[in-house]
């Protein structure tokens, strides 16, 4: 798992909305979730902005159950 400071840099996306949503998870949940969800979040940060945005607004779901859990935490 990556250093939270490095993840903070990776949360900087192409749009303010994505920045805010990814930072929200990093700031409030990342340190307290299971390692599987930490890895899922890190995988999400590797996605293209359009794919990540579609997941976050609910237009699509991931084939990865843990990514869907992270998305649910962000949306709640």
N, C-alpha and C. Protein backbone atom coordinates (compact mmCIF):
# COMPACT_ATOMS: atom_id res chain seq x y z
N UNK A 1 0.83 -1.18 0.00
CA UNK A 1 0.00 0.00 0.00
C UNK A 1 0.88 1.24 0.00
N UNK A 2 0.37 2.23 -0.69
CA UNK A 2 1.16 3.44 -0.89
C UNK A 2 1.11 4.37 0.31
N UNK A 3 2.09 5.22 0.36
CA UNK A 3 2.17 6.27 1.35
C UNK A 3 1.00 7.24 1.12
N UNK A 4 0.27 7.63 2.18
CA UNK A 4 -0.85 8.56 2.00
C UNK A 4 -0.46 9.88 1.34
N UNK A 5 0.76 10.35 1.56
CA UNK A 5 1.18 11.59 0.90
C UNK A 5 1.29 11.41 -0.61
N UNK A 6 1.75 10.25 -1.05
CA UNK A 6 1.81 9.97 -2.48
C UNK A 6 0.39 9.84 -3.05
N UNK A 7 -0.49 9.22 -2.27
CA UNK A 7 -1.88 9.09 -2.71
C UNK A 7 -2.55 10.45 -2.84
N UNK A 8 -2.21 11.35 -1.96
CA UNK A 8 -2.76 12.70 -2.03
C UNK A 8 -2.43 13.33 -3.39
N UNK A 9 -1.21 13.16 -3.84
CA UNK A 9 -0.81 13.66 -5.15
C UNK A 9 -1.61 12.96 -6.26
N UNK A 10 -1.82 11.65 -6.12
CA UNK A 10 -2.55 10.89 -7.15
C UNK A 10 -4.04 11.23 -7.18
N UNK A 11 -4.54 11.80 -6.09
CA UNK A 11 -5.95 12.22 -6.05
C UNK A 11 -6.19 13.49 -6.87
N UNK A 12 -5.15 14.16 -7.27
CA UNK A 12 -5.30 15.35 -8.10
C UNK A 12 -5.68 14.90 -9.50
N UNK A 13 -6.91 15.16 -9.87
CA UNK A 13 -7.46 14.67 -11.13
C UNK A 13 -7.70 15.83 -12.09
N UNK A 14 -8.35 15.51 -13.19
CA UNK A 14 -8.61 16.53 -14.20
C UNK A 14 -9.78 17.44 -13.89
N UNK A 15 -10.62 17.04 -12.96
CA UNK A 15 -11.78 17.86 -12.61
C UNK A 15 -11.86 18.03 -11.11
N UNK A 16 -12.40 19.16 -10.71
CA UNK A 16 -12.53 19.46 -9.28
C UNK A 16 -13.40 18.42 -8.56
N UNK A 17 -14.45 17.95 -9.24
CA UNK A 17 -15.36 16.98 -8.62
C UNK A 17 -14.63 15.69 -8.27
N UNK A 18 -13.82 15.20 -9.20
CA UNK A 18 -13.06 13.97 -8.93
C UNK A 18 -12.03 14.21 -7.83
N UNK A 19 -11.39 15.37 -7.85
CA UNK A 19 -10.45 15.70 -6.77
C UNK A 19 -11.14 15.62 -5.42
N UNK A 20 -12.31 16.24 -5.33
CA UNK A 20 -13.02 16.29 -4.06
C UNK A 20 -13.46 14.90 -3.59
N UNK A 21 -13.96 14.09 -4.50
CA UNK A 21 -14.46 12.77 -4.12
C UNK A 21 -13.33 11.82 -3.71
N UNK A 22 -12.24 11.84 -4.45
CA UNK A 22 -11.13 10.95 -4.09
C UNK A 22 -10.46 11.43 -2.81
N UNK A 23 -10.33 12.73 -2.64
CA UNK A 23 -9.74 13.28 -1.41
C UNK A 23 -10.61 12.97 -0.20
N UNK A 24 -11.93 13.00 -0.40
CA UNK A 24 -12.85 12.70 0.70
C UNK A 24 -12.57 11.31 1.26
N UNK A 25 -12.44 10.34 0.37
CA UNK A 25 -12.15 8.98 0.83
C UNK A 25 -10.78 8.91 1.49
N UNK A 26 -9.78 9.51 0.87
CA UNK A 26 -8.43 9.48 1.42
C UNK A 26 -8.39 10.13 2.81
N UNK A 27 -9.00 11.28 2.95
CA UNK A 27 -8.94 12.02 4.21
C UNK A 27 -9.76 11.40 5.34
N UNK A 28 -10.88 10.78 5.01
CA UNK A 28 -11.79 10.33 6.07
C UNK A 28 -11.85 8.81 6.27
N UNK A 29 -11.44 8.03 5.28
CA UNK A 29 -11.64 6.59 5.39
C UNK A 29 -10.40 5.73 5.17
N UNK A 30 -9.49 6.19 4.32
CA UNK A 30 -8.39 5.34 3.85
C UNK A 30 -7.62 4.66 4.98
N UNK A 31 -7.23 5.38 5.99
CA UNK A 31 -6.40 4.80 7.05
C UNK A 31 -7.13 3.75 7.88
N UNK A 32 -8.47 3.77 7.84
CA UNK A 32 -9.26 2.87 8.70
C UNK A 32 -9.89 1.69 7.98
N UNK A 33 -9.75 1.60 6.68
CA UNK A 33 -10.40 0.50 5.96
C UNK A 33 -9.45 -0.70 5.84
N UNK A 34 -10.02 -1.84 5.49
CA UNK A 34 -9.25 -3.07 5.30
C UNK A 34 -8.25 -2.90 4.15
N UNK A 35 -7.17 -3.68 4.18
CA UNK A 35 -6.17 -3.60 3.11
C UNK A 35 -6.75 -3.82 1.71
N UNK A 36 -7.78 -4.67 1.59
CA UNK A 36 -8.38 -4.92 0.28
C UNK A 36 -9.00 -3.64 -0.28
N UNK A 37 -9.63 -2.85 0.59
CA UNK A 37 -10.24 -1.61 0.13
C UNK A 37 -9.18 -0.55 -0.16
N UNK A 38 -8.09 -0.58 0.57
CA UNK A 38 -6.99 0.33 0.26
C UNK A 38 -6.44 0.04 -1.12
N UNK A 39 -6.25 -1.24 -1.42
CA UNK A 39 -5.75 -1.62 -2.75
C UNK A 39 -6.76 -1.24 -3.84
N UNK A 40 -8.04 -1.42 -3.54
CA UNK A 40 -9.08 -1.06 -4.51
C UNK A 40 -9.05 0.44 -4.80
N UNK A 41 -8.90 1.24 -3.76
CA UNK A 41 -8.82 2.69 -3.95
C UNK A 41 -7.61 3.05 -4.80
N UNK A 42 -6.48 2.43 -4.52
CA UNK A 42 -5.28 2.69 -5.29
C UNK A 42 -5.48 2.30 -6.76
N UNK A 43 -6.21 1.20 -6.99
CA UNK A 43 -6.52 0.79 -8.37
C UNK A 43 -7.42 1.81 -9.06
N UNK A 44 -8.34 2.36 -8.30
CA UNK A 44 -9.22 3.39 -8.86
C UNK A 44 -8.42 4.60 -9.33
N UNK A 45 -7.38 4.94 -8.60
CA UNK A 45 -6.57 6.09 -8.96
C UNK A 45 -5.77 5.85 -10.24
N UNK A 46 -5.66 4.60 -10.66
CA UNK A 46 -5.00 4.27 -11.93
C UNK A 46 -5.95 4.40 -13.12
N UNK A 47 -7.24 4.54 -12.86
CA UNK A 47 -8.24 4.62 -13.94
C UNK A 47 -8.19 5.97 -14.63
N UNK A 48 -8.67 5.98 -15.86
CA UNK A 48 -8.87 7.23 -16.58
C UNK A 48 -9.99 8.02 -15.90
N UNK A 49 -9.93 9.33 -15.99
CA UNK A 49 -10.93 10.17 -15.34
C UNK A 49 -12.36 9.84 -15.77
N UNK A 50 -12.56 9.57 -17.05
CA UNK A 50 -13.91 9.29 -17.54
C UNK A 50 -14.47 8.01 -16.93
N UNK A 51 -13.62 6.99 -16.82
CA UNK A 51 -14.05 5.72 -16.22
C UNK A 51 -14.34 5.90 -14.73
N UNK A 52 -13.47 6.60 -14.03
CA UNK A 52 -13.66 6.83 -12.61
C UNK A 52 -14.91 7.66 -12.35
N UNK A 53 -15.12 8.68 -13.15
CA UNK A 53 -16.31 9.53 -13.00
C UNK A 53 -17.58 8.71 -13.20
N UNK A 54 -17.61 7.85 -14.22
CA UNK A 54 -18.79 7.01 -14.47
C UNK A 54 -19.09 6.11 -13.28
N UNK A 55 -18.06 5.59 -12.65
CA UNK A 55 -18.27 4.76 -11.46
C UNK A 55 -18.83 5.59 -10.30
N UNK A 56 -18.23 6.75 -10.09
CA UNK A 56 -18.61 7.57 -8.94
C UNK A 56 -20.02 8.15 -9.04
N UNK A 57 -20.47 8.42 -10.26
CA UNK A 57 -21.84 8.95 -10.38
C UNK A 57 -22.88 7.85 -10.56
N UNK A 58 -22.41 6.61 -10.62
CA UNK A 58 -23.34 5.48 -10.69
C UNK A 58 -23.77 5.09 -12.08
N UNK A 59 -23.11 5.59 -13.11
CA UNK A 59 -23.46 5.20 -14.48
C UNK A 59 -22.96 3.81 -14.84
N UNK A 60 -22.01 3.30 -14.09
CA UNK A 60 -21.53 1.93 -14.29
C UNK A 60 -21.01 1.38 -12.98
N UNK A 61 -20.84 0.07 -12.95
CA UNK A 61 -20.26 -0.58 -11.79
C UNK A 61 -19.01 -1.31 -12.23
N UNK A 62 -18.17 -1.59 -11.26
CA UNK A 62 -16.92 -2.28 -11.53
C UNK A 62 -17.12 -3.78 -11.44
N UNK A 63 -16.26 -4.51 -12.11
CA UNK A 63 -16.25 -5.97 -11.97
C UNK A 63 -15.59 -6.36 -10.64
N UNK A 64 -14.90 -5.40 -10.01
CA UNK A 64 -14.19 -5.62 -8.73
C UNK A 64 -15.11 -5.24 -7.57
N UNK A 65 -15.47 -6.22 -6.78
CA UNK A 65 -16.38 -6.01 -5.65
C UNK A 65 -15.83 -4.97 -4.67
N UNK A 66 -14.53 -4.97 -4.45
CA UNK A 66 -13.94 -4.03 -3.50
C UNK A 66 -13.97 -2.59 -4.02
N UNK A 67 -13.81 -2.41 -5.31
CA UNK A 67 -13.95 -1.07 -5.88
C UNK A 67 -15.38 -0.58 -5.67
N UNK A 68 -16.34 -1.45 -5.89
CA UNK A 68 -17.74 -1.06 -5.66
C UNK A 68 -17.98 -0.68 -4.20
N UNK A 69 -17.30 -1.35 -3.26
CA UNK A 69 -17.42 -0.99 -1.85
C UNK A 69 -16.86 0.41 -1.59
N UNK A 70 -15.70 0.70 -2.19
CA UNK A 70 -15.11 2.03 -2.03
C UNK A 70 -16.04 3.08 -2.62
N UNK A 71 -16.59 2.81 -3.79
CA UNK A 71 -17.53 3.74 -4.42
C UNK A 71 -18.70 4.00 -3.49
N UNK A 72 -19.23 2.96 -2.88
CA UNK A 72 -20.36 3.11 -1.97
C UNK A 72 -19.99 3.98 -0.77
N UNK A 73 -18.82 3.79 -0.23
CA UNK A 73 -18.36 4.60 0.90
C UNK A 73 -18.27 6.07 0.48
N UNK A 74 -17.74 6.32 -0.69
CA UNK A 74 -17.62 7.70 -1.19
C UNK A 74 -18.98 8.33 -1.39
N UNK A 75 -19.93 7.55 -1.92
CA UNK A 75 -21.26 8.08 -2.21
C UNK A 75 -22.09 8.30 -0.95
N UNK A 76 -21.78 7.60 0.11
CA UNK A 76 -22.57 7.75 1.36
C UNK A 76 -22.28 9.00 2.12
